[in-house]
Amino acid sequence: NIPQGTATLKNGEWAKSRLLGREICGKTLGVLGLGRVGRIVADR
C-alpha cells in the first residue's frame, strides 16, 4: 500500500491501522510469458 500510504500522509492522515499489507516472501508468483522480461521478473 505504498501509494496509499504516501497519499494519506501527504494529506495529513496517519492511516497506519487501515493500510495492512502482505508479505511476498513465500507467496507463489505466476508469470505469464517467459520471454526476456518474464525471465528477469522470475529471477528477481
PDB file of all heavy atoms in Angstrom:
ATOM      1  N   ASN A   1       0.822  -1.232   0.000  1.00  0.00           N
ATOM      2  CA  ASN A   1       0.000   0.000   0.000  1.00  0.00           C
ATOM      3  C   ASN A   1       0.848   1.271   0.000  1.00  0.00           C
ATOM      4  O   ASN A   1       0.498   2.267   0.653  1.00  0.00           O
ATOM      5  CB  ASN A   1      -0.932   0.016   1.226  1.00  0.00           C
ATOM      6  CG  ASN A   1      -1.902  -1.135   1.228  1.00  0.00           C
ATOM      7  OD1 ASN A   1      -2.628  -1.361   0.253  1.00  0.00           O
ATOM      8  ND2 ASN A   1      -1.921  -1.898   2.317  1.00  0.00           N
ATOM      9  N   ILE A   2       1.944   1.245  -0.738  1.00  0.00           N
ATOM     10  CA  ILE A   2       2.853   2.389  -0.710  1.00  0.00           C
ATOM     11  C   ILE A   2       2.228   3.657  -1.304  1.00  0.00           C
ATOM     12  O   ILE A   2       2.344   4.742  -0.700  1.00  0.00           O
ATOM     13  CB  ILE A   2       4.180   2.029  -1.407  1.00  0.00           C
ATOM     14  CG1 ILE A   2       4.932   0.998  -0.559  1.00  0.00           C
ATOM     15  CG2 ILE A   2       5.042   3.261  -1.650  1.00  0.00           C
ATOM     16  CD1 ILE A   2       6.159   0.415  -1.206  1.00  0.00           C
ATOM     17  N   PRO A   3       1.528   3.598  -2.450  1.00  0.00           N
ATOM     18  CA  PRO A   3       0.912   4.833  -2.954  1.00  0.00           C
ATOM     19  C   PRO A   3      -0.138   5.397  -1.992  1.00  0.00           C
ATOM     20  O   PRO A   3      -0.205   6.613  -1.781  1.00  0.00           O
ATOM     21  CB  PRO A   3       0.265   4.385  -4.274  1.00  0.00           C
ATOM     22  CG  PRO A   3       1.018   3.174  -4.678  1.00  0.00           C
ATOM     23  CD  PRO A   3       1.347   2.487  -3.398  1.00  0.00           C
ATOM     24  N   GLN A   4      -0.946   4.502  -1.410  1.00  0.00           N
ATOM     25  CA  GLN A   4      -1.974   4.968  -0.481  1.00  0.00           C
ATOM     26  C   GLN A   4      -1.348   5.557   0.783  1.00  0.00           C
ATOM     27  O   GLN A   4      -1.833   6.572   1.313  1.00  0.00           O
ATOM     28  CB  GLN A   4      -2.904   3.809  -0.099  1.00  0.00           C
ATOM     29  CG  GLN A   4      -3.638   3.187  -1.275  1.00  0.00           C
ATOM     30  CD  GLN A   4      -2.915   1.997  -1.894  1.00  0.00           C
ATOM     31  OE1 GLN A   4      -1.683   1.988  -1.965  1.00  0.00           O
ATOM     32  NE2 GLN A   4      -3.682   1.008  -2.340  1.00  0.00           N
ATOM     33  N   GLY A   5      -0.281   4.938   1.240  1.00  0.00           N
ATOM     34  CA  GLY A   5       0.399   5.457   2.418  1.00  0.00           C
ATOM     35  C   GLY A   5       0.987   6.831   2.171  1.00  0.00           C
ATOM     36  O   GLY A   5       0.902   7.728   3.025  1.00  0.00           O
ATOM     37  N   THR A   6       1.586   7.004   1.003  1.00  0.00           N
ATOM     38  CA  THR A   6       2.150   8.311   0.647  1.00  0.00           C
ATOM     39  C   THR A   6       1.058   9.366   0.539  1.00  0.00           C
ATOM     40  O   THR A   6       1.180  10.478   1.089  1.00  0.00           O
ATOM     41  CB  THR A   6       2.913   8.208  -0.685  1.00  0.00           C
ATOM     42  OG1 THR A   6       3.956   7.248  -0.573  1.00  0.00           O
ATOM     43  CG2 THR A   6       3.506   9.559  -1.076  1.00  0.00           C
ATOM     44  N   ALA A   7      -0.027   9.018  -0.171  1.00  0.00           N
ATOM     45  CA  ALA A   7      -1.107   9.994  -0.401  1.00  0.00           C
ATOM     46  C   ALA A   7      -1.769  10.410   0.904  1.00  0.00           C
ATOM     47  O   ALA A   7      -2.030  11.604   1.121  1.00  0.00           O
ATOM     48  CB  ALA A   7      -2.135   9.407  -1.353  1.00  0.00           C
ATOM     49  N   THR A   8      -2.060   9.442   1.787  1.00  0.00           N
ATOM     50  CA  THR A   8      -2.748   9.791   3.031  1.00  0.00           C
ATOM     51  C   THR A   8      -1.839  10.611   3.950  1.00  0.00           C
ATOM     52  O   THR A   8      -2.299  11.554   4.600  1.00  0.00           O
ATOM     53  CB  THR A   8      -3.229   8.526   3.759  1.00  0.00           C
ATOM     54  OG1 THR A   8      -2.136   7.595   3.890  1.00  0.00           O
ATOM     55  CG2 THR A   8      -4.362   7.859   2.998  1.00  0.00           C
ATOM     56  N   LEU A   9      -0.571  10.261   4.000  1.00  0.00           N
ATOM     57  CA  LEU A   9       0.345  11.010   4.869  1.00  0.00           C
ATOM     58  C   LEU A   9       0.507  12.447   4.368  1.00  0.00           C
ATOM     59  O   LEU A   9       0.522  13.402   5.161  1.00  0.00           O
ATOM     60  CB  LEU A   9       1.702  10.312   4.924  1.00  0.00           C
ATOM     61  CG  LEU A   9       2.674  10.785   6.015  1.00  0.00           C
ATOM     62  CD1 LEU A   9       2.049  10.651   7.389  1.00  0.00           C
ATOM     63  CD2 LEU A   9       3.966   9.985   5.937  1.00  0.00           C
ATOM     64  N   LYS A  10       0.617  12.633   3.050  1.00  0.00           N
ATOM     65  CA  LYS A  10       0.712  13.977   2.492  1.00  0.00           C
ATOM     66  C   LYS A  10      -0.579  14.775   2.710  1.00  0.00           C
ATOM     67  O   LYS A  10      -0.568  16.005   2.687  1.00  0.00           O
ATOM     68  CB  LYS A  10       1.040  13.907   0.994  1.00  0.00           C
ATOM     69  CG  LYS A  10       2.489  13.508   0.690  1.00  0.00           C
ATOM     70  CD  LYS A  10       2.739  13.454  -0.798  1.00  0.00           C
ATOM     71  CE  LYS A  10       4.204  13.118  -1.105  1.00  0.00           C
ATOM     72  NZ  LYS A  10       5.109  14.237  -0.786  1.00  0.00           N
ATOM     73  N   ASN A  11      -1.677  14.040   2.918  1.00  0.00           N
ATOM     74  CA  ASN A  11      -2.969  14.676   3.160  1.00  0.00           C
ATOM     75  C   ASN A  11      -3.211  14.914   4.643  1.00  0.00           C
ATOM     76  O   ASN A  11      -4.310  15.307   5.054  1.00  0.00           O
ATOM     77  CB  ASN A  11      -4.090  13.797   2.586  1.00  0.00           C
ATOM     78  CG  ASN A  11      -5.377  14.550   2.424  1.00  0.00           C
ATOM     79  OD1 ASN A  11      -5.396  15.720   2.019  1.00  0.00           O
ATOM     80  ND2 ASN A  11      -6.492  13.899   2.755  1.00  0.00           N
ATOM     81  N   GLY A  12      -2.182  14.679   5.458  1.00  0.00           N
ATOM     82  CA  GLY A  12      -2.300  14.949   6.889  1.00  0.00           C
ATOM     83  C   GLY A  12      -2.875  13.802   7.699  1.00  0.00           C
ATOM     84  O   GLY A  12      -3.174  13.972   8.885  1.00  0.00           O
ATOM     85  N   GLU A  13      -3.015  12.618   7.105  1.00  0.00           N
ATOM     86  CA  GLU A  13      -3.578  11.469   7.813  1.00  0.00           C
ATOM     87  C   GLU A  13      -2.469  10.512   8.248  1.00  0.00           C
ATOM     88  O   GLU A  13      -1.455  10.385   7.577  1.00  0.00           O
ATOM     89  CB  GLU A  13      -4.558  10.703   6.918  1.00  0.00           C
ATOM     90  CG  GLU A  13      -5.737  11.493   6.406  1.00  0.00           C
ATOM     91  CD  GLU A  13      -6.595  10.649   5.481  1.00  0.00           C
ATOM     92  OE1 GLU A  13      -7.132   9.628   5.958  1.00  0.00           O
ATOM     93  OE2 GLU A  13      -6.705  10.989   4.284  1.00  0.00           O
ATOM     94  N   TRP A  14      -2.700   9.840   9.375  1.00  0.00           N
ATOM     95  CA  TRP A  14      -1.819   8.775   9.826  1.00  0.00           C
ATOM     96  C   TRP A  14      -2.640   7.481   9.737  1.00  0.00           C
ATOM     97  O   TRP A  14      -3.289   7.057  10.677  1.00  0.00           O
ATOM     98  CB  TRP A  14      -1.353   9.031  11.253  1.00  0.00           C
ATOM     99  CG  TRP A  14      -0.289   8.088  11.741  1.00  0.00           C
ATOM    100  CD1 TRP A  14      -0.453   7.025  12.569  1.00  0.00           C
ATOM    101  CD2 TRP A  14       1.094   8.128  11.411  1.00  0.00           C
ATOM    102  NE1 TRP A  14       0.744   6.389  12.796  1.00  0.00           N
ATOM    103  CE2 TRP A  14       1.714   7.059  12.097  1.00  0.00           C
ATOM    104  CE3 TRP A  14       1.887   8.961  10.625  1.00  0.00           C
ATOM    105  CZ2 TRP A  14       3.086   6.798  12.014  1.00  0.00           C
ATOM    106  CZ3 TRP A  14       3.248   8.702  10.541  1.00  0.00           C
ATOM    107  CH2 TRP A  14       3.836   7.633  11.232  1.00  0.00           C
ATOM    108  N   ALA A  15      -2.603   6.854   8.529  1.00  0.00           N
ATOM    109  CA  ALA A  15      -3.527   5.762   8.215  1.00  0.00           C
ATOM    110  C   ALA A  15      -2.913   4.389   8.435  1.00  0.00           C
ATOM    111  O   ALA A  15      -3.317   3.408   7.792  1.00  0.00           O
ATOM    112  CB  ALA A  15      -4.003   5.905   6.776  1.00  0.00           C
ATOM    113  N   LYS A  16      -1.986   4.289   9.360  1.00  0.00           N
ATOM    114  CA  LYS A  16      -1.259   3.039   9.577  1.00  0.00           C
ATOM    115  C   LYS A  16      -2.191   1.855   9.835  1.00  0.00           C
ATOM    116  O   LYS A  16      -2.006   0.774   9.287  1.00  0.00           O
ATOM    117  CB  LYS A  16      -0.297   3.217  10.750  1.00  0.00           C
ATOM    118  CG  LYS A  16       0.488   1.972  11.102  1.00  0.00           C
ATOM    119  CD  LYS A  16       1.452   2.251  12.255  1.00  0.00           C
ATOM    120  CE  LYS A  16       2.209   0.988  12.624  1.00  0.00           C
ATOM    121  NZ  LYS A  16       3.182   1.234  13.726  1.00  0.00           N
ATOM    122  N   SER A  17      -3.223   2.056  10.626  1.00  0.00           N
ATOM    123  CA  SER A  17      -4.072   0.938  11.040  1.00  0.00           C
ATOM    124  C   SER A  17      -4.910   0.361   9.909  1.00  0.00           C
ATOM    125  O   SER A  17      -5.305  -0.801   9.964  1.00  0.00           O
ATOM    126  CB  SER A  17      -4.995   1.382  12.182  1.00  0.00           C
ATOM    127  OG  SER A  17      -5.835   2.441  11.751  1.00  0.00           O
ATOM    128  N   ARG A  18      -5.202   1.148   8.873  1.00  0.00           N
ATOM    129  CA  ARG A  18      -6.037   0.632   7.791  1.00  0.00           C
ATOM    130  C   ARG A  18      -5.258   0.318   6.513  1.00  0.00           C
ATOM    131  O   ARG A  18      -5.856   0.019   5.485  1.00  0.00           O
ATOM    132  CB  ARG A  18      -7.183   1.597   7.475  1.00  0.00           C
ATOM    133  CG  ARG A  18      -6.809   2.986   7.028  1.00  0.00           C
ATOM    134  CD  ARG A  18      -8.085   3.830   6.870  1.00  0.00           C
ATOM    135  NE  ARG A  18      -7.823   5.225   6.587  1.00  0.00           N
ATOM    136  CZ  ARG A  18      -7.630   5.731   5.381  1.00  0.00           C
ATOM    137  NH1 ARG A  18      -7.666   4.935   4.331  1.00  0.00           N
ATOM    138  NH2 ARG A  18      -7.416   7.029   5.229  1.00  0.00           N
ATOM    139  N   LEU A  19      -3.947   0.375   6.588  1.00  0.00           N
ATOM    140  CA  LEU A  19      -3.130   0.046   5.417  1.00  0.00           C
ATOM    141  C   LEU A  19      -2.290  -1.196   5.688  1.00  0.00           C
ATOM    142  O   LEU A  19      -1.081  -1.214   5.508  1.00  0.00           O
ATOM    143  CB  LEU A  19      -2.242   1.236   5.023  1.00  0.00           C
ATOM    144  CG  LEU A  19      -2.989   2.469   4.505  1.00  0.00           C
ATOM    145  CD1 LEU A  19      -2.006   3.602   4.205  1.00  0.00           C
ATOM    146  CD2 LEU A  19      -3.806   2.127   3.263  1.00  0.00           C
ATOM    147  N   LEU A  20      -2.983  -2.241   6.135  1.00  0.00           N
ATOM    148  CA  LEU A  20      -2.318  -3.502   6.423  1.00  0.00           C
ATOM    149  C   LEU A  20      -1.873  -4.165   5.126  1.00  0.00           C
ATOM    150  O   LEU A  20      -2.677  -4.385   4.225  1.00  0.00           O
ATOM    151  CB  LEU A  20      -3.271  -4.428   7.177  1.00  0.00           C
ATOM    152  CG  LEU A  20      -2.694  -5.759   7.650  1.00  0.00           C
ATOM    153  CD1 LEU A  20      -1.649  -5.525   8.742  1.00  0.00           C
ATOM    154  CD2 LEU A  20      -3.819  -6.660   8.167  1.00  0.00           C
ATOM    155  N   GLY A  21      -0.601  -4.474   5.026  1.00  0.00           N
ATOM    156  CA  GLY A  21      -0.068  -5.036   3.792  1.00  0.00           C
ATOM    157  C   GLY A  21       0.104  -6.540   3.850  1.00  0.00           C
ATOM    158  O   GLY A  21      -0.378  -7.210   4.770  1.00  0.00           O
ATOM    159  N   ARG A  22       0.763  -7.086   2.841  1.00  0.00           N
ATOM    160  CA  ARG A  22       1.030  -8.517   2.756  1.00  0.00           C
ATOM    161  C   ARG A  22       2.507  -8.728   2.455  1.00  0.00           C
ATOM    162  O   ARG A  22       3.111  -7.981   1.680  1.00  0.00           O
ATOM    163  CB  ARG A  22       0.224  -9.144   1.607  1.00  0.00           C
ATOM    164  CG  ARG A  22      -1.262  -8.837   1.608  1.00  0.00           C
ATOM    165  CD  ARG A  22      -2.031  -9.692   2.581  1.00  0.00           C
ATOM    166  NE  ARG A  22      -3.460  -9.434   2.428  1.00  0.00           N
ATOM    167  CZ  ARG A  22      -4.258 -10.076   1.583  1.00  0.00           C
ATOM    168  NH1 ARG A  22      -3.752 -10.999   0.775  1.00  0.00           N
ATOM    169  NH2 ARG A  22      -5.542  -9.796   1.529  1.00  0.00           N
ATOM    170  N   GLU A  23       3.101  -9.759   3.035  1.00  0.00           N
ATOM    171  CA  GLU A  23       4.455 -10.158   2.670  1.00  0.00           C
ATOM    172  C   GLU A  23       4.433 -10.863   1.321  1.00  0.00           C
ATOM    173  O   GLU A  23       3.461 -11.536   0.973  1.00  0.00           O
ATOM    174  CB  GLU A  23       5.038 -11.110   3.710  1.00  0.00           C
ATOM    175  CG  GLU A  23       5.416 -10.459   5.016  1.00  0.00           C
ATOM    176  CD  GLU A  23       6.121 -11.434   5.942  1.00  0.00           C
ATOM    177  OE1 GLU A  23       6.347 -12.603   5.538  1.00  0.00           O
ATOM    178  OE2 GLU A  23       6.453 -11.028   7.068  1.00  0.00           O
ATOM    179  N   ILE A  24       5.523 -10.742   0.578  1.00  0.00           N
ATOM    180  CA  ILE A  24       5.638 -11.517  -0.651  1.00  0.00           C
ATOM    181  C   ILE A  24       6.496 -12.760  -0.458  1.00  0.00           C
ATOM    182  O   ILE A  24       6.414 -13.702  -1.243  1.00  0.00           O
ATOM    183  CB  ILE A  24       6.198 -10.668  -1.814  1.00  0.00           C
ATOM    184  CG1 ILE A  24       7.599 -10.168  -1.511  1.00  0.00           C
ATOM    185  CG2 ILE A  24       5.255  -9.530  -2.145  1.00  0.00           C
ATOM    186  CD1 ILE A  24       8.276  -9.546  -2.708  1.00  0.00           C
ATOM    187  N   CYS A  25       7.305 -12.789   0.572  1.00  0.00           N
ATOM    188  CA  CYS A  25       8.121 -13.963   0.863  1.00  0.00           C
ATOM    189  C   CYS A  25       7.212 -15.174   1.059  1.00  0.00           C
ATOM    190  O   CYS A  25       6.251 -15.131   1.837  1.00  0.00           O
ATOM    191  CB  CYS A  25       8.948 -13.715   2.118  1.00  0.00           C
ATOM    192  SG  CYS A  25      10.008 -15.095   2.586  1.00  0.00           S
ATOM    193  N   GLY A  26       7.505 -16.248   0.322  1.00  0.00           N
ATOM    194  CA  GLY A  26       6.715 -17.452   0.448  1.00  0.00           C
ATOM    195  C   GLY A  26       5.483 -17.494  -0.431  1.00  0.00           C
ATOM    196  O   GLY A  26       4.837 -18.538  -0.557  1.00  0.00           O
ATOM    197  N   LYS A  27       5.124 -16.372  -1.049  1.00  0.00           N
ATOM    198  CA  LYS A  27       3.967 -16.344  -1.937  1.00  0.00           C
ATOM    199  C   LYS A  27       4.330 -16.962  -3.288  1.00  0.00           C
ATOM    200  O   LYS A  27       5.487 -16.995  -3.701  1.00  0.00           O
ATOM    201  CB  LYS A  27       3.486 -14.914  -2.150  1.00  0.00           C
ATOM    202  CG  LYS A  27       3.007 -14.202  -0.897  1.00  0.00           C
ATOM    203  CD  LYS A  27       1.751 -14.804  -0.342  1.00  0.00           C
ATOM    204  CE  LYS A  27       1.142 -13.947   0.765  1.00  0.00           C
ATOM    205  NZ  LYS A  27       2.003 -13.785   1.943  1.00  0.00           N
ATOM    206  N   THR A  28       3.311 -17.437  -3.996  1.00  0.00           N
ATOM    207  CA  THR A  28       3.510 -18.008  -5.324  1.00  0.00           C
ATOM    208  C   THR A  28       3.263 -16.937  -6.377  1.00  0.00           C
ATOM    209  O   THR A  28       2.169 -16.365  -6.450  1.00  0.00           O
ATOM    210  CB  THR A  28       2.561 -19.191  -5.570  1.00  0.00           C
ATOM    211  OG1 THR A  28       2.865 -20.235  -4.633  1.00  0.00           O
ATOM    212  CG2 THR A  28       2.722 -19.733  -6.990  1.00  0.00           C
ATOM    213  N   LEU A  29       4.289 -16.674  -7.164  1.00  0.00           N
ATOM    214  CA  LEU A  29       4.176 -15.721  -8.264  1.00  0.00           C
ATOM    215  C   LEU A  29       3.957 -16.501  -9.553  1.00  0.00           C
ATOM    216  O   LEU A  29       4.776 -17.342  -9.934  1.00  0.00           O
ATOM    217  CB  LEU A  29       5.442 -14.873  -8.388  1.00  0.00           C
ATOM    218  CG  LEU A  29       5.447 -13.862  -9.555  1.00  0.00           C
ATOM    219  CD1 LEU A  29       4.415 -12.766  -9.317  1.00  0.00           C
ATOM    220  CD2 LEU A  29       6.831 -13.250  -9.748  1.00  0.00           C
ATOM    221  N   GLY A  30       2.869 -16.215 -10.241  1.00  0.00           N
ATOM    222  CA  GLY A  30       2.605 -16.813 -11.533  1.00  0.00           C
ATOM    223  C   GLY A  30       3.046 -15.866 -12.626  1.00  0.00           C
ATOM    224  O   GLY A  30       2.574 -14.739 -12.701  1.00  0.00           O
ATOM    225  N   VAL A  31       3.963 -16.309 -13.467  1.00  0.00           N
ATOM    226  CA  VAL A  31       4.500 -15.462 -14.533  1.00  0.00           C
ATOM    227  C   VAL A  31       3.907 -15.933 -15.864  1.00  0.00           C
ATOM    228  O   VAL A  31       4.178 -17.049 -16.315  1.00  0.00           O
ATOM    229  CB  VAL A  31       6.044 -15.525 -14.588  1.00  0.00           C
ATOM    230  CG1 VAL A  31       6.570 -14.590 -15.671  1.00  0.00           C
ATOM    231  CG2 VAL A  31       6.640 -15.156 -13.230  1.00  0.00           C
ATOM    232  N   LEU A  32       3.103 -15.093 -16.456  1.00  0.00           N
ATOM    233  CA  LEU A  32       2.526 -15.389 -17.760  1.00  0.00           C
ATOM    234  C   LEU A  32       3.423 -14.792 -18.836  1.00  0.00           C
ATOM    235  O   LEU A  32       3.460 -13.587 -19.031  1.00  0.00           O
ATOM    236  CB  LEU A  32       1.113 -14.793 -17.862  1.00  0.00           C
ATOM    237  CG  LEU A  32       0.438 -14.868 -19.238  1.00  0.00           C
ATOM    238  CD1 LEU A  32       0.365 -16.294 -19.743  1.00  0.00           C
ATOM    239  CD2 LEU A  32      -0.943 -14.222 -19.184  1.00  0.00           C
ATOM    240  N   GLY A  33       4.187 -15.633 -19.510  1.00  0.00           N
ATOM    241  CA  GLY A  33       5.128 -15.177 -20.522  1.00  0.00           C
ATOM    242  C   GLY A  33       6.545 -15.217 -19.993  1.00  0.00           C
ATOM    243  O   GLY A  33       6.913 -14.429 -19.128  1.00  0.00           O
ATOM    244  N   LEU A  34       7.339 -16.153 -20.501  1.00  0.00           N
ATOM    245  CA  LEU A  34       8.722 -16.313 -20.030  1.00  0.00           C
ATOM    246  C   LEU A  34       9.715 -15.926 -21.109  1.00  0.00           C
ATOM    247  O   LEU A  34      10.671 -16.654 -21.397  1.00  0.00           O
ATOM    248  CB  LEU A  34       8.962 -17.749 -19.580  1.00  0.00           C
ATOM    249  CG  LEU A  34       8.632 -18.131 -18.128  1.00  0.00           C
ATOM    250  CD1 LEU A  34       9.476 -17.354 -17.147  1.00  0.00           C
ATOM    251  CD2 LEU A  34       7.165 -17.961 -17.822  1.00  0.00           C
ATOM    252  N   GLY A  35       9.479 -14.761 -21.719  1.00  0.00           N
ATOM    253  CA  GLY A  35      10.448 -14.206 -22.646  1.00  0.00           C
ATOM    254  C   GLY A  35      11.492 -13.423 -21.871  1.00  0.00           C
ATOM    255  O   GLY A  35      11.749 -13.684 -20.694  1.00  0.00           O
ATOM    256  N   ARG A  36      12.081 -12.420 -22.523  1.00  0.00           N
ATOM    257  CA  ARG A  36      13.159 -11.658 -21.886  1.00  0.00           C
ATOM    258  C   ARG A  36      12.715 -11.026 -20.571  1.00  0.00           C
ATOM    259  O   ARG A  36      13.380 -11.144 -19.542  1.00  0.00           O
ATOM    260  CB  ARG A  36      13.671 -10.568 -22.837  1.00  0.00           C
ATOM    261  CG  ARG A  36      14.405 -11.087 -24.064  1.00  0.00           C
ATOM    262  CD  ARG A  36      14.884  -9.913 -24.904  1.00  0.00           C
ATOM    263  NE  ARG A  36      15.651 -10.323 -26.070  1.00  0.00           N
ATOM    264  CZ  ARG A  36      15.112 -10.572 -27.252  1.00  0.00           C
ATOM    265  NH1 ARG A  36      13.808 -10.443 -27.420  1.00  0.00           N
ATOM    266  NH2 ARG A  36      15.868 -10.945 -28.261  1.00  0.00           N
ATOM    267  N   VAL A  37      11.584 -10.317 -20.596  1.00  0.00           N
ATOM    268  CA  VAL A  37      11.129  -9.611 -19.398  1.00  0.00           C
ATOM    269  C   VAL A  37      10.666 -10.598 -18.339  1.00  0.00           C
ATOM    270  O   VAL A  37      11.025 -10.491 -17.155  1.00  0.00           O
ATOM    271  CB  VAL A  37      10.009  -8.617 -19.740  1.00  0.00           C
ATOM    272  CG1 VAL A  37       9.470  -7.951 -18.478  1.00  0.00           C
ATOM    273  CG2 VAL A  37      10.510  -7.552 -20.708  1.00  0.00           C
ATOM    274  N   GLY A  38       9.846 -11.564 -18.740  1.00  0.00           N
ATOM    275  CA  GLY A  38       9.318 -12.523 -17.781  1.00  0.00           C
ATOM    276  C   GLY A  38      10.399 -13.280 -17.042  1.00  0.00           C
ATOM    277  O   GLY A  38      10.279 -13.552 -15.834  1.00  0.00           O
ATOM    278  N   ARG A  39      11.475 -13.624 -17.740  1.00  0.00           N
ATOM    279  CA  ARG A  39      12.564 -14.372 -17.094  1.00  0.00           C
ATOM    280  C   ARG A  39      13.290 -13.510 -16.054  1.00  0.00           C
ATOM    281  O   ARG A  39      13.714 -14.010 -15.011  1.00  0.00           O
ATOM    282  CB  ARG A  39      13.548 -14.888 -18.135  1.00  0.00           C
ATOM    283  CG  ARG A  39      12.996 -16.061 -18.942  1.00  0.00           C
ATOM    284  CD  ARG A  39      14.034 -16.668 -19.861  1.00  0.00           C
ATOM    285  NE  ARG A  39      13.476 -17.773 -20.628  1.00  0.00           N
ATOM    286  CZ  ARG A  39      13.367 -19.019 -20.177  1.00  0.00           C
ATOM    287  NH1 ARG A  39      13.786 -19.310 -18.961  1.00  0.00           N
ATOM    288  NH2 ARG A  39      12.848 -19.966 -20.931  1.00  0.00           N
ATOM    289  N   ILE A  40      13.444 -12.217 -16.349  1.00  0.00           N
ATOM    290  CA  ILE A  40      14.088 -11.343 -15.360  1.00  0.00           C
ATOM    291  C   ILE A  40      13.199 -11.173 -14.145  1.00  0.00           C
ATOM    292  O   ILE A  40      13.668 -11.198 -12.997  1.00  0.00           O
ATOM    293  CB  ILE A  40      14.419  -9.975 -15.996  1.00  0.00           C
ATOM    294  CG1 ILE A  40      15.469 -10.139 -17.094  1.00  0.00           C
ATOM    295  CG2 ILE A  40      14.936  -9.005 -14.928  1.00  0.00           C
ATOM    296  CD1 ILE A  40      15.765  -8.870 -17.866  1.00  0.00           C
ATOM    297  N   VAL A  41      11.898 -11.004 -14.357  1.00  0.00           N
ATOM    298  CA  VAL A  41      10.954 -10.903 -13.244  1.00  0.00           C
ATOM    299  C   VAL A  41      11.034 -12.163 -12.379  1.00  0.00           C
ATOM    300  O   VAL A  41      11.086 -12.088 -11.144  1.00  0.00           O
ATOM    301  CB  VAL A  41       9.520 -10.689 -13.750  1.00  0.00           C
ATOM    302  CG1 VAL A  41       8.508 -10.844 -12.612  1.00  0.00           C
ATOM    303  CG2 VAL A  41       9.373  -9.314 -14.384  1.00  0.00           C
ATOM    304  N   ALA A  42      11.044 -13.319 -13.032  1.00  0.00           N
ATOM    305  CA  ALA A  42      11.122 -14.579 -12.293  1.00  0.00           C
ATOM    306  C   ALA A  42      12.397 -14.658 -11.475  1.00  0.00           C
ATOM    307  O   ALA A  42      12.381 -15.060 -10.298  1.00  0.00           O
ATOM    308  CB  ALA A  42      11.037 -15.754 -13.268  1.00  0.00           C
ATOM    309  N   ASP A  43      13.505 -14.256 -12.057  1.00  0.00           N
ATOM    310  CA  ASP A  43      14.796 -14.293 -11.364  1.00  0.00           C
ATOM    311  C   ASP A  43      14.788 -13.392 -10.131  1.00  0.00           C
ATOM    312  O   ASP A  43      15.236 -13.790  -9.053  1.00  0.00           O
ATOM    313  CB  ASP A  43      15.900 -13.858 -12.326  1.00  0.00           C
ATOM    314  CG  ASP A  43      17.250 -13.760 -11.643  1.00  0.00           C
ATOM    315  OD1 ASP A  43      17.840 -14.815 -11.352  1.00  0.00           O
ATOM    316  OD2 ASP A  43      17.711 -12.622 -11.405  1.00  0.00           O
ATOM    317  N   ARG A  44      14.262 -12.174 -10.289  1.00  0.00           N
ATOM    318  CA  ARG A  44      14.214 -11.248  -9.151  1.00  0.00           C
ATOM    319  C   ARG A  44      13.275 -11.757  -8.064  1.00  0.00           C
ATOM    320  O   ARG A  44      13.540 -11.608  -6.866  1.00  0.00           O
ATOM    321  CB  ARG A  44      13.760  -9.858  -9.615  1.00  0.00           C
ATOM    322  CG  ARG A  44      14.600  -9.232 -10.726  1.00  0.00           C
ATOM    323  CD  ARG A  44      16.058  -9.046 -10.351  1.00  0.00           C
ATOM    324  NE  ARG A  44      16.758  -8.254 -11.350  1.00  0.00           N
ATOM    325  CZ  ARG A  44      17.447  -8.750 -12.369  1.00  0.00           C
ATOM    326  NH1 ARG A  44      17.526 -10.074 -12.536  1.00  0.00           N
ATOM    327  NH2 ARG A  44      18.070  -7.952 -13.229  1.00  0.00           N
TER     328      ARG A  44
END
